[in-house]
Amino acid sequence: MRTWLAAVFLVAAGPLTADAADCAATQRLCLAQCDQAYPSRIDDMGHTGCAARCGWESTTCSAQRALDDSSAALTRDLTPWLSDQAGKWQHFLDGFRGRSPAEPPRANPDPDRGIPL
């Protein structure tokens, strides 16, 4: 199971490189705007705060894209597998209880189906 989940996350990580490049380009643009708005020799504190905001926004961008891609991969790959496993588990329980899957559960036992003496 762990190997399968690791494979799902690796498949989901494939498109992250292009998205990470988009986030990095946005961060570079933000840092360039910080350089213009807050020249580092004149206003070091303003530049540092602006650069921290750019780093925060880039991290948020990367995390959101990773979450979106992982959610899509899990929905696409894991949901059918879980549905199949639930069906197998139900089939096992039906067999364990001694009834066929089409037979509804009975509140009262059938006296005609008792054990012959």
PDB file of N, CA and C in Angstrom:
ATOM      1  N   MET A   1       0.826  -1.190   0.000  1.00  0.00           N
ATOM      2  CA  MET A   1       0.000   0.000   0.000  1.00  0.00           C
ATOM      3  C   MET A   1       0.868   1.251   0.000  1.00  0.00           C
ATOM      4  N   ARG A   2       1.935   1.252   0.797  1.00  0.00           N
ATOM      5  CA  ARG A   2       2.814   2.414   0.853  1.00  0.00           C
ATOM      6  C   ARG A   2       3.474   2.672  -0.491  1.00  0.00           C
ATOM      7  N   THR A   3       3.871   1.608  -1.160  1.00  0.00           N
ATOM      8  CA  THR A   3       4.498   1.763  -2.470  1.00  0.00           C
ATOM      9  C   THR A   3       3.519   2.378  -3.451  1.00  0.00           C
ATOM     10  N   TRP A   4       2.277   1.955  -3.392  1.00  0.00           N
ATOM     11  CA  TRP A   4       1.268   2.486  -4.300  1.00  0.00           C
ATOM     12  C   TRP A   4       1.024   3.962  -4.040  1.00  0.00           C
ATOM     13  N   LEU A   5       0.923   4.347  -2.754  1.00  0.00           N
ATOM     14  CA  LEU A   5       0.715   5.757  -2.424  1.00  0.00           C
ATOM     15  C   LEU A   5       1.926   6.601  -2.819  1.00  0.00           C
ATOM     16  N   ALA A   6       3.116   6.055  -2.646  1.00  0.00           N
ATOM     17  CA  ALA A   6       4.316   6.787  -3.059  1.00  0.00           C
ATOM     18  C   ALA A   6       4.305   7.007  -4.570  1.00  0.00           C
ATOM     19  N   ALA A   7       3.864   6.008  -5.312  1.00  0.00           N
ATOM     20  CA  ALA A   7       3.786   6.152  -6.767  1.00  0.00           C
ATOM     21  C   ALA A   7       2.778   7.233  -7.150  1.00  0.00           C
ATOM     22  N   VAL A   8       1.662   7.304  -6.433  1.00  0.00           N
ATOM     23  CA  VAL A   8       0.661   8.341  -6.712  1.00  0.00           C
ATOM     24  C   VAL A   8       1.260   9.719  -6.501  1.00  0.00           C
ATOM     25  N   PHE A   9       1.991   9.886  -5.405  1.00  0.00           N
ATOM     26  CA  PHE A   9       2.573  11.198  -5.130  1.00  0.00           C
ATOM     27  C   PHE A   9       3.685  11.533  -6.118  1.00  0.00           C
ATOM     28  N   LEU A  10       4.436  10.550  -6.571  1.00  0.00           N
ATOM     29  CA  LEU A  10       5.458  10.832  -7.572  1.00  0.00           C
ATOM     30  C   LEU A  10       4.845  11.229  -8.903  1.00  0.00           C
ATOM     31  N   VAL A  11       3.751  10.591  -9.265  1.00  0.00           N
ATOM     32  CA  VAL A  11       3.050  10.965 -10.493  1.00  0.00           C
ATOM     33  C   VAL A  11       2.520  12.386 -10.357  1.00  0.00           C
ATOM     34  N   ALA A  12       2.001  12.700  -9.185  1.00  0.00           N
ATOM     35  CA  ALA A  12       1.473  14.053  -8.960  1.00  0.00           C
ATOM     36  C   ALA A  12       2.599  15.084  -8.953  1.00  0.00           C
ATOM     37  N   ALA A  13       3.797  14.686  -8.582  1.00  0.00           N
ATOM     38  CA  ALA A  13       4.908  15.631  -8.513  1.00  0.00           C
ATOM     39  C   ALA A  13       5.469  15.961  -9.887  1.00  0.00           C
ATOM     40  N   GLY A  14       5.163  15.183 -10.902  1.00  0.00           N
ATOM     41  CA  GLY A  14       5.680  15.454 -12.246  1.00  0.00           C
ATOM     42  C   GLY A  14       5.365  16.842 -12.753  1.00  0.00           C
ATOM     43  N   PRO A  15       4.090  17.266 -12.724  1.00  0.00           N
ATOM     44  CA  PRO A  15       3.756  18.596 -13.221  1.00  0.00           C
ATOM     45  C   PRO A  15       4.209  19.727 -12.308  1.00  0.00           C
ATOM     46  N   LEU A  16       4.718  19.417 -11.118  1.00  0.00           N
ATOM     47  CA  LEU A  16       5.099  20.467 -10.188  1.00  0.00           C
ATOM     48  C   LEU A  16       6.271  21.301 -10.704  1.00  0.00           C
ATOM     49  N   THR A  17       7.098  20.737 -11.557  1.00  0.00           N
ATOM     50  CA  THR A  17       8.254  21.489 -12.023  1.00  0.00           C
ATOM     51  C   THR A  17       7.850  22.705 -12.839  1.00  0.00           C
ATOM     52  N   ALA A  18       6.852  22.570 -13.700  1.00  0.00           N
ATOM     53  CA  ALA A  18       6.390  23.722 -14.491  1.00  0.00           C
ATOM     54  C   ALA A  18       5.695  24.730 -13.588  1.00  0.00           C
ATOM     55  N   ASP A  19       4.910  24.247 -12.646  1.00  0.00           N
ATOM     56  CA  ASP A  19       4.236  25.154 -11.723  1.00  0.00           C
ATOM     57  C   ASP A  19       5.236  25.854 -10.816  1.00  0.00           C
ATOM     58  N   ALA A  20       6.260  25.131 -10.385  1.00  0.00           N
ATOM     59  CA  ALA A  20       7.290  25.741  -9.548  1.00  0.00           C
ATOM     60  C   ALA A  20       8.026  26.826 -10.318  1.00  0.00           C
ATOM     61  N   ALA A  21       8.220  26.628 -11.605  1.00  0.00           N
ATOM     62  CA  ALA A  21       8.870  27.652 -12.422  1.00  0.00           C
ATOM     63  C   ALA A  21       7.995  28.898 -12.496  1.00  0.00           C
ATOM     64  N   ASP A  22       6.672  28.718 -12.589  1.00  0.00           N
ATOM     65  CA  ASP A  22       5.762  29.871 -12.592  1.00  0.00           C
ATOM     66  C   ASP A  22       5.847  30.629 -11.271  1.00  0.00           C
ATOM     67  N   CYS A  23       5.892  29.907 -10.174  1.00  0.00           N
ATOM     68  CA  CYS A  23       5.987  30.546  -8.865  1.00  0.00           C
ATOM     69  C   CYS A  23       7.324  31.266  -8.704  1.00  0.00           C
ATOM     70  N   ALA A  24       8.395  30.650  -9.213  1.00  0.00           N
ATOM     71  CA  ALA A  24       9.720  31.276  -9.126  1.00  0.00           C
ATOM     72  C   ALA A  24       9.781  32.544  -9.979  1.00  0.00           C
ATOM     73  N   ALA A  25       9.156  32.519 -11.152  1.00  0.00           N
ATOM     74  CA  ALA A  25       9.130  33.715 -12.001  1.00  0.00           C
ATOM     75  C   ALA A  25       8.352  34.829 -11.320  1.00  0.00           C
ATOM     76  N   THR A  26       7.266  34.492 -10.668  1.00  0.00           N
ATOM     77  CA  THR A  26       6.488  35.489  -9.926  1.00  0.00           C
ATOM     78  C   THR A  26       7.316  36.069  -8.789  1.00  0.00           C
ATOM     79  N   GLN A  27       8.102  35.217  -8.121  1.00  0.00           N
ATOM     80  CA  GLN A  27       8.954  35.697  -7.034  1.00  0.00           C
ATOM     81  C   GLN A  27      10.039  36.627  -7.560  1.00  0.00           C
ATOM     82  N   ARG A  28      10.634  36.284  -8.691  1.00  0.00           N
ATOM     83  CA  ARG A  28      11.667  37.161  -9.271  1.00  0.00           C
ATOM     84  C   ARG A  28      11.084  38.524  -9.628  1.00  0.00           C
ATOM     85  N   LEU A  29       9.891  38.536 -10.184  1.00  0.00           N
ATOM     86  CA  LEU A  29       9.222  39.785 -10.526  1.00  0.00           C
ATOM     87  C   LEU A  29       8.949  40.606  -9.263  1.00  0.00           C
ATOM     88  N   CYS A  30       8.479  39.940  -8.225  1.00  0.00           N
ATOM     89  CA  CYS A  30       8.201  40.607  -6.958  1.00  0.00           C
ATOM     90  C   CYS A  30       9.482  41.208  -6.363  1.00  0.00           C
ATOM     91  N   LEU A  31      10.576  40.451  -6.395  1.00  0.00           N
ATOM     92  CA  LEU A  31      11.851  40.948  -5.869  1.00  0.00           C
ATOM     93  C   LEU A  31      12.364  42.129  -6.682  1.00  0.00           C
ATOM     94  N   ALA A  32      12.148  42.107  -7.994  1.00  0.00           N
ATOM     95  CA  ALA A  32      12.548  43.253  -8.822  1.00  0.00           C
ATOM     96  C   ALA A  32      11.743  44.490  -8.441  1.00  0.00           C
ATOM     97  N   GLN A  33      10.461  44.305  -8.148  1.00  0.00           N
ATOM     98  CA  GLN A  33       9.644  45.432  -7.705  1.00  0.00           C
ATOM     99  C   GLN A  33      10.102  45.942  -6.344  1.00  0.00           C
ATOM    100  N   CYS A  34      10.540  45.032  -5.484  1.00  0.00           N
ATOM    101  CA  CYS A  34      11.081  45.447  -4.183  1.00  0.00           C
ATOM    102  C   CYS A  34      12.357  46.263  -4.379  1.00  0.00           C
ATOM    103  N   ASP A  35      13.214  45.837  -5.310  1.00  0.00           N
ATOM    104  CA  ASP A  35      14.455  46.570  -5.581  1.00  0.00           C
ATOM    105  C   ASP A  35      14.167  47.988  -6.058  1.00  0.00           C
ATOM    106  N   GLN A  36      13.099  48.142  -6.851  1.00  0.00           N
ATOM    107  CA  GLN A  36      12.740  49.476  -7.337  1.00  0.00           C
ATOM    108  C   GLN A  36      12.097  50.320  -6.234  1.00  0.00           C
ATOM    109  N   ALA A  37      11.193  49.747  -5.504  1.00  0.00           N
ATOM    110  CA  ALA A  37      10.450  50.502  -4.494  1.00  0.00           C
ATOM    111  C   ALA A  37      11.284  50.812  -3.256  1.00  0.00           C
ATOM    112  N   TYR A  38      12.162  49.901  -2.885  1.00  0.00           N
ATOM    113  CA  TYR A  38      12.965  50.058  -1.669  1.00  0.00           C
ATOM    114  C   TYR A  38      14.432  49.792  -2.008  1.00  0.00           C
ATOM    115  N   PRO A  39      15.159  50.781  -2.484  1.00  0.00           N
ATOM    116  CA  PRO A  39      16.582  50.565  -2.759  1.00  0.00           C
ATOM    117  C   PRO A  39      17.275  50.069  -1.494  1.00  0.00           C
ATOM    118  N   SER A  40      18.047  49.031  -1.622  1.00  0.00           N
ATOM    119  CA  SER A  40      18.595  48.339  -0.446  1.00  0.00           C
ATOM    120  C   SER A  40      19.534  49.208   0.384  1.00  0.00           C
ATOM    121  N   ARG A  41      20.248  50.149  -0.196  1.00  0.00           N
ATOM    122  CA  ARG A  41      21.160  50.983   0.600  1.00  0.00           C
ATOM    123  C   ARG A  41      20.410  52.108   1.312  1.00  0.00           C
ATOM    124  N   ILE A  42      19.285  52.521   0.772  1.00  0.00           N
ATOM    125  CA  ILE A  42      18.538  53.633   1.372  1.00  0.00           C
ATOM    126  C   ILE A  42      17.549  53.122   2.417  1.00  0.00           C
ATOM    127  N   ASP A  43      16.832  52.084   2.109  1.00  0.00           N
ATOM    128  CA  ASP A  43      15.774  51.580   2.998  1.00  0.00           C
ATOM    129  C   ASP A  43      15.935  50.071   3.160  1.00  0.00           C
ATOM    130  N   ASP A  44      16.879  49.665   3.992  1.00  0.00           N
ATOM    131  CA  ASP A  44      17.145  48.231   4.181  1.00  0.00           C
ATOM    132  C   ASP A  44      15.973  47.495   4.828  1.00  0.00           C
ATOM    133  N   MET A  45      15.336  48.111   5.792  1.00  0.00           N
ATOM    134  CA  MET A  45      14.234  47.440   6.489  1.00  0.00           C
ATOM    135  C   MET A  45      13.030  47.256   5.552  1.00  0.00           C
ATOM    136  N   GLY A  46      12.708  48.267   4.764  1.00  0.00           N
ATOM    137  CA  GLY A  46      11.599  48.158   3.818  1.00  0.00           C
ATOM    138  C   GLY A  46      11.877  47.097   2.771  1.00  0.00           C
ATOM    139  N   HIS A  47      13.121  47.062   2.292  1.00  0.00           N
ATOM    140  CA  HIS A  47      13.501  46.061   1.294  1.00  0.00           C
ATOM    141  C   HIS A  47      13.432  44.658   1.882  1.00  0.00           C
ATOM    142  N   THR A  48      13.885  44.511   3.119  1.00  0.00           N
ATOM    143  CA  THR A  48      13.844  43.203   3.774  1.00  0.00           C
ATOM    144  C   THR A  48      12.408  42.732   3.972  1.00  0.00           C
ATOM    145  N   GLY A  49      11.529  43.628   4.398  1.00  0.00           N
ATOM    146  CA  GLY A  49      10.122  43.269   4.573  1.00  0.00           C
ATOM    147  C   GLY A  49       9.463  42.901   3.258  1.00  0.00           C
ATOM    148  N   CYS A  50       9.786  43.665   2.209  1.00  0.00           N
ATOM    149  CA  CYS A  50       9.219  43.371   0.889  1.00  0.00           C
ATOM    150  C   CYS A  50       9.730  42.019   0.375  1.00  0.00           C
ATOM    151  N   ALA A  51      11.020  41.752   0.571  1.00  0.00           N
ATOM    152  CA  ALA A  51      11.594  40.479   0.131  1.00  0.00           C
ATOM    153  C   ALA A  51      10.987  39.309   0.914  1.00  0.00           C
ATOM    154  N   ALA A  52      10.717  39.525   2.203  1.00  0.00           N
ATOM    155  CA  ALA A  52      10.083  38.472   3.007  1.00  0.00           C
ATOM    156  C   ALA A  52       8.671  38.191   2.486  1.00  0.00           C
ATOM    157  N   ARG A  53       7.941  39.242   2.114  1.00  0.00           N
ATOM    158  CA  ARG A  53       6.601  39.068   1.555  1.00  0.00           C
ATOM    159  C   ARG A  53       6.670  38.278   0.254  1.00  0.00           C
ATOM    160  N   CYS A  54       7.670  38.583  -0.582  1.00  0.00           N
ATOM    161  CA  CYS A  54       7.828  37.849  -1.845  1.00  0.00           C
ATOM    162  C   CYS A  54       8.111  36.371  -1.591  1.00  0.00           C
ATOM    163  N   GLY A  55       8.963  36.088  -0.617  1.00  0.00           N
ATOM    164  CA  GLY A  55       9.258  34.697  -0.265  1.00  0.00           C
ATOM    165  C   GLY A  55       8.035  33.971   0.250  1.00  0.00           C
ATOM    166  N   TRP A  56       7.247  34.665   1.079  1.00  0.00           N
ATOM    167  CA  TRP A  56       6.023  34.077   1.612  1.00  0.00           C
ATOM    168  C   TRP A  56       5.033  33.765   0.495  1.00  0.00           C
ATOM    169  N   GLU A  57       4.860  34.718  -0.423  1.00  0.00           N
ATOM    170  CA  GLU A  57       3.927  34.509  -1.529  1.00  0.00           C
ATOM    171  C   GLU A  57       4.379  33.375  -2.446  1.00  0.00           C
ATOM    172  N   SER A  58       5.689  33.259  -2.657  1.00  0.00           N
ATOM    173  CA  SER A  58       6.208  32.174  -3.494  1.00  0.00           C
ATOM    174  C   SER A  58       5.982  30.812  -2.834  1.00  0.00           C
ATOM    175  N   THR A  59       6.228  30.758  -1.537  1.00  0.00           N
ATOM    176  CA  THR A  59       6.010  29.513  -0.801  1.00  0.00           C
ATOM    177  C   THR A  59       4.534  29.132  -0.815  1.00  0.00           C
ATOM    178  N   THR A  60       3.674  30.103  -0.618  1.00  0.00           N
ATOM    179  CA  THR A  60       2.239  29.858  -0.655  1.00  0.00           C
ATOM    180  C   THR A  60       1.806  29.369  -2.032  1.00  0.00           C
ATOM    181  N   CYS A  61       2.355  29.988  -3.082  1.00  0.00           N
ATOM    182  CA  CYS A  61       2.040  29.588  -4.450  1.00  0.00           C
ATOM    183  C   CYS A  61       2.440  28.132  -4.697  1.00  0.00           C
ATOM    184  N   SER A  62       3.657  27.787  -4.304  1.00  0.00           N
ATOM    185  CA  SER A  62       4.144  26.409  -4.516  1.00  0.00           C
ATOM    186  C   SER A  62       3.319  25.406  -3.728  1.00  0.00           C
ATOM    187  N   ALA A  63       3.006  25.742  -2.485  1.00  0.00           N
ATOM    188  CA  ALA A  63       2.230  24.823  -1.653  1.00  0.00           C
ATOM    189  C   ALA A  63       0.816  24.637  -2.212  1.00  0.00           C
ATOM    190  N   GLN A  64       0.195  25.712  -2.672  1.00  0.00           N
ATOM    191  CA  GLN A  64      -1.161  25.610  -3.215  1.00  0.00           C
ATOM    192  C   GLN A  64      -1.180  24.774  -4.484  1.00  0.00           C
ATOM    193  N   ARG A  65      -0.201  24.968  -5.342  1.00  0.00           N
ATOM    194  CA  ARG A  65      -0.150  24.179  -6.581  1.00  0.00           C
ATOM    195  C   ARG A  65       0.112  22.709  -6.288  1.00  0.00           C
ATOM    196  N   ALA A  66       0.983  22.439  -5.317  1.00  0.00           N
ATOM    197  CA  ALA A  66       1.243  21.044  -4.942  1.00  0.00           C
ATOM    198  C   ALA A  66      -0.011  20.399  -4.361  1.00  0.00           C
ATOM    199  N   LEU A  67      -0.741  21.151  -3.556  1.00  0.00           N
ATOM    200  CA  LEU A  67      -1.980  20.633  -2.980  1.00  0.00           C
ATOM    201  C   LEU A  67      -3.009  20.352  -4.070  1.00  0.00           C
ATOM    202  N   ASP A  68      -3.152  21.271  -5.008  1.00  0.00           N
ATOM    203  CA  ASP A  68      -4.110  21.065  -6.096  1.00  0.00           C
ATOM    204  C   ASP A  68      -3.760  19.840  -6.931  1.00  0.00           C
ATOM    205  N   ASP A  69      -2.478  19.701  -7.266  1.00  0.00           N
ATOM    206  CA  ASP A  69      -2.051  18.553  -8.076  1.00  0.00           C
ATOM    207  C   ASP A  69      -2.200  17.240  -7.317  1.00  0.00           C
ATOM    208  N   SER A  70      -1.852  17.244  -6.035  1.00  0.00           N
ATOM    209  CA  SER A  70      -1.982  16.026  -5.232  1.00  0.00           C
ATOM    210  C   SER A  70      -3.444  15.638  -5.070  1.00  0.00           C
ATOM    211  N   SER A  71      -4.306  16.625  -4.841  1.00  0.00           N
ATOM    212  CA  SER A  71      -5.737  16.342  -4.696  1.00  0.00           C
ATOM    213  C   SER A  71      -6.294  15.737  -5.977  1.00  0.00           C
ATOM    214  N   ALA A  72      -5.899  16.300  -7.105  1.00  0.00           N
ATOM    215  CA  ALA A  72      -6.391  15.775  -8.379  1.00  0.00           C
ATOM    216  C   ALA A  72      -5.897  14.348  -8.610  1.00  0.00           C
ATOM    217  N   ALA A  73      -4.627  14.101  -8.284  1.00  0.00           N
ATOM    218  CA  ALA A  73      -4.073  12.757  -8.480  1.00  0.00           C
ATOM    219  C   ALA A  73      -4.741  11.751  -7.540  1.00  0.00           C
ATOM    220  N   LEU A  74      -4.976  12.149  -6.303  1.00  0.00           N
ATOM    221  CA  LEU A  74      -5.624  11.236  -5.363  1.00  0.00           C
ATOM    222  C   LEU A  74      -7.055  10.941  -5.791  1.00  0.00           C
ATOM    223  N   THR A  75      -7.761  11.970  -6.234  1.00  0.00           N
ATOM    224  CA  THR A  75      -9.132  11.760  -6.684  1.00  0.00           C
ATOM    225  C   THR A  75      -9.163  10.846  -7.900  1.00  0.00           C
ATOM    226  N   ARG A  76      -8.249  11.063  -8.812  1.00  0.00           N
ATOM    227  CA  ARG A  76      -8.224  10.289 -10.051  1.00  0.00           C
ATOM    228  C   ARG A  76      -7.790   8.846  -9.806  1.00  0.00           C
ATOM    229  N   ASP A  77      -6.786   8.646  -8.957  1.00  0.00           N
ATOM    230  CA  ASP A  77      -6.187   7.319  -8.802  1.00  0.00           C
ATOM    231  C   ASP A  77      -6.680   6.556  -7.576  1.00  0.00           C
ATOM    232  N   LEU A  78      -6.878   7.237  -6.471  1.00  0.00           N
ATOM    233  CA  LEU A  78      -7.174   6.542  -5.230  1.00  0.00           C
ATOM    234  C   LEU A  78      -8.660   6.238  -5.054  1.00  0.00           C
ATOM    235  N   THR A  79      -9.529   7.105  -5.516  1.00  0.00           N
ATOM    236  CA  THR A  79     -10.959   6.899  -5.330  1.00  0.00           C
ATOM    237  C   THR A  79     -11.456   5.600  -5.960  1.00  0.00           C
ATOM    238  N   PRO A  80     -11.108   5.287  -7.215  1.00  0.00           N
ATOM    239  CA  PRO A  80     -11.562   4.002  -7.771  1.00  0.00           C
ATOM    240  C   PRO A  80     -11.003   2.796  -7.007  1.00  0.00           C
ATOM    241  N   TRP A  81      -9.766   2.905  -6.552  1.00  0.00           N
ATOM    242  CA  TRP A  81      -9.156   1.804  -5.818  1.00  0.00           C
ATOM    243  C   TRP A  81      -9.877   1.591  -4.486  1.00  0.00           C
ATOM    244  N   LEU A  82     -10.168   2.696  -3.770  1.00  0.00           N
ATOM    245  CA  LEU A  82     -10.878   2.575  -2.506  1.00  0.00           C
ATOM    246  C   LEU A  82     -12.278   2.007  -2.707  1.00  0.00           C
ATOM    247  N   SER A  83     -12.940   2.412  -3.765  1.00  0.00           N
ATOM    248  CA  SER A  83     -14.269   1.880  -4.067  1.00  0.00           C
ATOM    249  C   SER A  83     -14.199   0.372  -4.313  1.00  0.00           C
ATOM    250  N   ASP A  84     -13.196  -0.061  -5.048  1.00  0.00           N
ATOM    251  CA  ASP A  84     -13.011  -1.486  -5.314  1.00  0.00           C
ATOM    252  C   ASP A  84     -12.731  -2.244  -4.017  1.00  0.00           C
ATOM    253  N   GLN A  85     -11.888  -1.682  -3.156  1.00  0.00           N
ATOM    254  CA  GLN A  85     -11.570  -2.337  -1.894  1.00  0.00           C
ATOM    255  C   GLN A  85     -12.795  -2.417  -0.988  1.00  0.00           C
ATOM    256  N   ALA A  86     -13.625  -1.371  -0.995  1.00  0.00           N
ATOM    257  CA  ALA A  86     -14.854  -1.400  -0.197  1.00  0.00           C
ATOM    258  C   ALA A  86     -15.790  -2.495  -0.696  1.00  0.00           C
ATOM    259  N   GLY A  87     -15.876  -2.677  -2.010  1.00  0.00           N
ATOM    260  CA  GLY A  87     -16.707  -3.745  -2.565  1.00  0.00           C
ATOM    261  C   GLY A  87     -16.193  -5.118  -2.166  1.00  0.00           C
ATOM    262  N   LYS A  88     -14.881  -5.286  -2.189  1.00  0.00           N
ATOM    263  CA  LYS A  88     -14.297  -6.568  -1.772  1.00  0.00           C
ATOM    264  C   LYS A  88     -14.559  -6.830  -0.293  1.00  0.00           C
ATOM    265  N   TRP A  89     -14.434  -5.802   0.524  1.00  0.00           N
ATOM    266  CA  TRP A  89     -14.679  -5.949   1.955  1.00  0.00           C
ATOM    267  C   TRP A  89     -16.144  -6.321   2.201  1.00  0.00           C
ATOM    268  N   GLN A  90     -17.065  -5.683   1.492  1.00  0.00           N
ATOM    269  CA  GLN A  90     -18.489  -5.995   1.644  1.00  0.00           C
ATOM    270  C   GLN A  90     -18.766  -7.431   1.215  1.00  0.00           C
ATOM    271  N   HIS A  91     -18.133  -7.859   0.136  1.00  0.00           N
ATOM    272  CA  HIS A  91     -18.303  -9.240  -0.329  1.00  0.00           C
ATOM    273  C   HIS A  91     -17.802 -10.220   0.729  1.00  0.00           C
ATOM    274  N   PHE A  92     -16.673  -9.903   1.362  1.00  0.00           N
ATOM    275  CA  PHE A  92     -16.134 -10.740   2.424  1.00  0.00           C
ATOM    276  C   PHE A  92     -17.123 -10.816   3.589  1.00  0.00           C
ATOM    277  N   LEU A  93     -17.647  -9.667   4.005  1.00  0.00           N
ATOM    278  CA  LEU A  93     -18.589  -9.652   5.123  1.00  0.00           C
ATOM    279  C   LEU A  93     -19.860 -10.422   4.801  1.00  0.00           C
ATOM    280  N   ASP A  94     -20.341 -10.303   3.570  1.00  0.00           N
ATOM    281  CA  ASP A  94     -21.525 -11.065   3.169  1.00  0.00           C
ATOM    282  C   ASP A  94     -21.249 -12.556   3.256  1.00  0.00           C
ATOM    283  N   GLY A  95     -20.087 -12.978   2.802  1.00  0.00           N
ATOM    284  CA  GLY A  95     -19.729 -14.393   2.899  1.00  0.00           C
ATOM    285  C   GLY A  95     -19.557 -14.838   4.336  1.00  0.00           C
ATOM    286  N   PHE A  96     -18.989 -14.006   5.168  1.00  0.00           N
ATOM    287  CA  PHE A  96     -18.779 -14.324   6.575  1.00  0.00           C
ATOM    288  C   PHE A  96     -20.108 -14.470   7.303  1.00  0.00           C
ATOM    289  N   ARG A  97     -21.058 -13.629   6.960  1.00  0.00           N
ATOM    290  CA  ARG A  97     -22.372 -13.675   7.596  1.00  0.00           C
ATOM    291  C   ARG A  97     -23.240 -14.801   7.043  1.00  0.00           C
ATOM    292  N   GLY A  98     -22.828 -15.398   5.947  1.00  0.00           N
ATOM    293  CA  GLY A  98     -23.538 -16.529   5.383  1.00  0.00           C
ATOM    294  C   GLY A  98     -24.740 -16.150   4.551  1.00  0.00           C
ATOM    295  N   ARG A  99     -24.708 -15.012   3.947  1.00  0.00           N
ATOM    296  CA  ARG A  99     -25.822 -14.627   3.078  1.00  0.00           C
ATOM    297  C   ARG A  99     -25.256 -14.099   1.776  1.00  0.00           C
ATOM    298  N   SER A 100     -26.082 -14.225   0.766  1.00  0.00           N
ATOM    299  CA  SER A 100     -25.644 -13.722  -0.541  1.00  0.00           C
ATOM    300  C   SER A 100     -25.785 -12.204  -0.554  1.00  0.00           C
ATOM    301  N   PRO A 101     -25.052 -11.506  -1.410  1.00  0.00           N
ATOM    302  CA  PRO A 101     -25.105 -10.050  -1.424  1.00  0.00           C
ATOM    303  C   PRO A 101     -26.491  -9.499  -1.750  1.00  0.00           C
ATOM    304  N   ALA A 102     -27.320 -10.247  -2.497  1.00  0.00           N
ATOM    305  CA  ALA A 102     -28.633  -9.741  -2.879  1.00  0.00           C
ATOM    306  C   ALA A 102     -29.658  -9.908  -1.758  1.00  0.00           C
ATOM    307  N   GLU A 103     -29.368 -10.754  -0.782  1.00  0.00           N
ATOM    308  CA  GLU A 103     -30.323 -11.033   0.282  1.00  0.00           C
ATOM    309  C   GLU A 103     -30.254  -9.929   1.339  1.00  0.00           C
ATOM    310  N   PRO A 104     -31.365  -9.265   1.638  1.00  0.00           N
ATOM    311  CA  PRO A 104     -31.347  -8.203   2.641  1.00  0.00           C
ATOM    312  C   PRO A 104     -31.213  -8.782   4.041  1.00  0.00           C
ATOM    313  N   PRO A 105     -30.709  -8.030   4.973  1.00  0.00           N
ATOM    314  CA  PRO A 105     -30.610  -8.537   6.349  1.00  0.00           C
ATOM    315  C   PRO A 105     -32.005  -8.730   6.943  1.00  0.00           C
ATOM    316  N   ARG A 106     -32.152  -9.777   7.757  1.00  0.00           N
ATOM    317  CA  ARG A 106     -33.443 -10.078   8.366  1.00  0.00           C
ATOM    318  C   ARG A 106     -33.417  -9.674   9.831  1.00  0.00           C
ATOM    319  N   ALA A 107     -34.522  -9.075  10.274  1.00  0.00           N
ATOM    320  CA  ALA A 107     -34.635  -8.706  11.681  1.00  0.00           C
ATOM    321  C   ALA A 107     -34.986  -9.945  12.520  1.00  0.00           C
ATOM    322  N   ASN A 108     -35.866 -10.798  11.996  1.00  0.00           N
ATOM    323  CA  ASN A 108     -36.277 -12.019  12.701  1.00  0.00           C
ATOM    324  C   ASN A 108     -35.778 -13.230  11.919  1.00  0.00           C
ATOM    325  N   PRO A 109     -35.235 -14.221  12.626  1.00  0.00           N
ATOM    326  CA  PRO A 109     -34.790 -15.415  11.901  1.00  0.00           C
ATOM    327  C   PRO A 109     -35.967 -16.184  11.317  1.00  0.00           C
ATOM    328  N   ASP A 110     -35.735 -16.791  10.196  1.00  0.00           N
ATOM    329  CA  ASP A 110     -36.764 -17.594   9.508  1.00  0.00           C
ATOM    330  C   ASP A 110     -36.824 -18.959  10.197  1.00  0.00           C
ATOM    331  N   PRO A 111     -37.966 -19.349  10.762  1.00  0.00           N
ATOM    332  CA  PRO A 111     -38.037 -20.638  11.474  1.00  0.00           C
ATOM    333  C   PRO A 111     -37.879 -21.825  10.524  1.00  0.00           C
ATOM    334  N   ASP A 112     -38.192 -21.661   9.254  1.00  0.00           N
ATOM    335  CA  ASP A 112     -38.052 -22.776   8.308  1.00  0.00           C
ATOM    336  C   ASP A 112     -36.603 -23.026   7.919  1.00  0.00           C
ATOM    337  N   ARG A 113     -35.735 -22.070   8.154  1.00  0.00           N
ATOM    338  CA  ARG A 113     -34.332 -22.224   7.783  1.00  0.00           C
ATOM    339  C   ARG A 113     -33.473 -22.672   8.937  1.00  0.00           C
ATOM    340  N   GLY A 114     -34.071 -23.182   9.985  1.00  0.00           N
ATOM    341  CA  GLY A 114     -33.339 -23.627  11.150  1.00  0.00           C
ATOM    342  C   GLY A 114     -32.504 -24.867  10.876  1.00  0.00           C
ATOM    343  N   ILE A 115     -31.767 -25.293  11.858  1.00  0.00           N
ATOM    344  CA  ILE A 115     -30.931 -26.472  11.729  1.00  0.00           C
ATOM    345  C   ILE A 115     -31.810 -27.708  11.910  1.00  0.00           C
ATOM    346  N   PRO A 116     -31.744 -28.656  10.939  1.00  0.00           N
ATOM    347  CA  PRO A 116     -32.568 -29.868  11.073  1.00  0.00           C
ATOM    348  C   PRO A 116     -32.064 -30.735  12.211  1.00  0.00           C
ATOM    349  N   LEU A 117     -33.018 -31.278  12.934  1.00  0.00           N
ATOM    350  CA  LEU A 117     -32.646 -32.147  14.081  1.00  0.00           C
ATOM    351  C   LEU A 117     -32.663 -33.568  13.713  1.00  0.00           C
TER     352      LEU A 117
END
